[in-house]
Amino acid sequence: MKNLFLSGALMLALALNATTLNPTINNNEFTTVANHQEKEYKAIEQGDIAPEVLKSAVDKYGGYSLVNAYVAADGTDYKFVLTKDGKDLTAYFKNNGEFIKEETA
């Protein structure tokens, strides 16, 4: 009986700690929930991108066109939706220009 209770408690704990990825778009804001961290991104114009971030993005993705640019609500990072030859990708950069990651669509 004790093992049954412990296994039930373990399953409940695992279910509550499961990683969730839930993107939603509301009024030019993009929210991603992953690893218990919530990032809110707000759409921005290309002129609003920090110069060091823009330079890093151009150096890494020179042949790509910018579709959309977003900045995290806390200002810690940027998200760019880029396209080249009909293929889209999303690139993330820290606010100091350091590359974080890339995701393909």
Protein backbone atom coordinates (compact mmCIF):
# COMPACT_ATOMS: atom_id res chain seq x y z
CA MET A 1 0.00 0.00 0.00
CA LYS A 2 2.89 2.37 0.80
CA ASN A 3 4.44 1.70 -2.64
CA LEU A 4 1.14 2.46 -4.36
CA PHE A 5 0.91 5.82 -2.58
CA LEU A 6 4.55 6.70 -3.36
CA SER A 7 4.23 5.77 -7.04
CA GLY A 8 1.08 7.89 -7.31
CA ALA A 9 2.83 10.85 -5.68
CA LEU A 10 5.82 10.39 -7.99
CA MET A 11 3.60 10.36 -11.10
CA LEU A 12 1.82 13.50 -9.93
CA ALA A 13 5.15 15.27 -9.32
CA LEU A 14 6.42 14.30 -12.77
CA ALA A 15 3.21 15.47 -14.41
CA LEU A 16 3.40 18.84 -12.67
CA ASN A 17 7.04 19.34 -13.66
CA ALA A 18 6.62 18.41 -17.34
CA THR A 19 8.10 20.91 -19.80
CA THR A 20 5.49 22.73 -21.83
CA LEU A 21 5.97 24.69 -25.04
CA ASN A 22 2.93 26.82 -25.68
CA PRO A 23 3.34 29.69 -28.15
CA THR A 24 0.55 32.24 -28.46
CA ILE A 25 0.33 35.48 -30.40
CA ASN A 26 -1.76 38.35 -29.01
CA ASN A 27 -1.58 41.92 -30.34
CA ASN A 28 2.04 41.75 -31.58
CA GLU A 29 3.24 39.94 -28.45
CA PHE A 30 4.63 36.43 -28.63
CA THR A 31 4.78 34.37 -25.45
CA THR A 32 6.70 31.12 -25.10
CA VAL A 33 6.51 28.94 -22.02
CA ALA A 34 9.40 26.47 -21.77
CA ASN A 35 11.29 24.98 -18.85
CA HIS A 36 9.10 26.89 -16.40
CA GLN A 37 10.31 30.22 -17.78
CA GLU A 38 7.99 32.61 -19.54
CA LYS A 39 9.38 35.00 -22.12
CA GLU A 40 7.21 37.66 -23.65
CA TYR A 41 8.35 39.16 -26.93
CA LYS A 42 7.08 42.39 -28.39
CA ALA A 43 7.26 43.17 -32.10
CA ILE A 44 9.72 45.93 -32.99
CA GLU A 45 10.94 47.69 -36.12
CA GLN A 46 14.39 47.05 -37.55
CA GLY A 47 15.49 50.53 -36.44
CA ASP A 48 14.78 49.58 -32.81
CA ILE A 49 17.29 46.70 -32.77
CA ALA A 50 20.42 47.36 -30.70
CA PRO A 51 23.40 48.00 -33.02
CA GLU A 52 25.56 45.18 -31.60
CA VAL A 53 22.70 42.70 -32.00
CA LEU A 54 22.00 43.85 -35.55
CA LYS A 55 25.69 43.53 -36.47
CA SER A 56 25.87 39.98 -35.08
CA ALA A 57 22.69 38.98 -36.90
CA VAL A 58 23.90 40.42 -40.21
CA ASP A 59 27.30 38.73 -39.82
CA LYS A 60 25.69 35.35 -39.17
CA TYR A 61 22.69 35.59 -41.52
CA GLY A 62 23.91 37.95 -44.26
CA GLY A 63 21.91 36.38 -47.10
CA TYR A 64 18.63 36.24 -45.17
CA SER A 65 15.76 38.73 -45.15
CA LEU A 66 14.21 39.90 -41.90
CA VAL A 67 10.52 38.98 -41.68
CA ASN A 68 9.82 40.00 -38.06
CA ALA A 69 11.87 41.26 -35.14
CA TYR A 70 10.96 40.92 -31.48
CA VAL A 71 12.53 42.00 -28.20
CA ALA A 72 11.93 40.28 -24.87
CA ALA A 73 9.80 42.30 -22.48
CA ASP A 74 12.70 42.32 -20.01
CA GLY A 75 15.12 43.45 -22.75
CA THR A 76 17.47 40.50 -22.28
CA ASP A 77 17.24 39.05 -25.77
CA TYR A 78 16.00 39.44 -29.31
CA LYS A 79 14.16 37.07 -31.59
CA PHE A 80 14.31 37.33 -35.38
CA VAL A 81 12.22 35.50 -37.95
CA LEU A 82 14.35 35.28 -41.10
CA THR A 83 13.80 33.86 -44.58
CA LYS A 84 15.99 32.72 -47.46
CA ASP A 85 14.99 30.76 -50.55
CA GLY A 86 11.48 30.23 -49.16
CA LYS A 87 12.72 28.70 -45.91
CA ASP A 88 12.09 30.40 -42.58
CA LEU A 89 14.09 30.19 -39.39
CA THR A 90 14.04 31.86 -36.01
CA ALA A 91 17.26 33.15 -34.46
CA TYR A 92 17.77 34.29 -30.87
CA PHE A 93 20.44 36.73 -29.71
CA LYS A 94 21.29 38.19 -26.30
CA ASN A 95 21.08 41.96 -25.97
CA ASN A 96 24.90 42.16 -26.18
CA GLY A 97 24.88 40.50 -29.63
CA GLU A 98 25.80 36.99 -28.49
CA PHE A 99 24.09 34.25 -30.51
CA ILE A 100 21.80 32.00 -28.40
CA LYS A 101 20.15 29.51 -30.72
CA GLU A 102 18.44 28.88 -34.05
CA GLU A 103 15.18 27.08 -34.77
CA THR A 104 13.87 26.01 -38.16
CA ALA A 105 10.21 26.40 -38.98
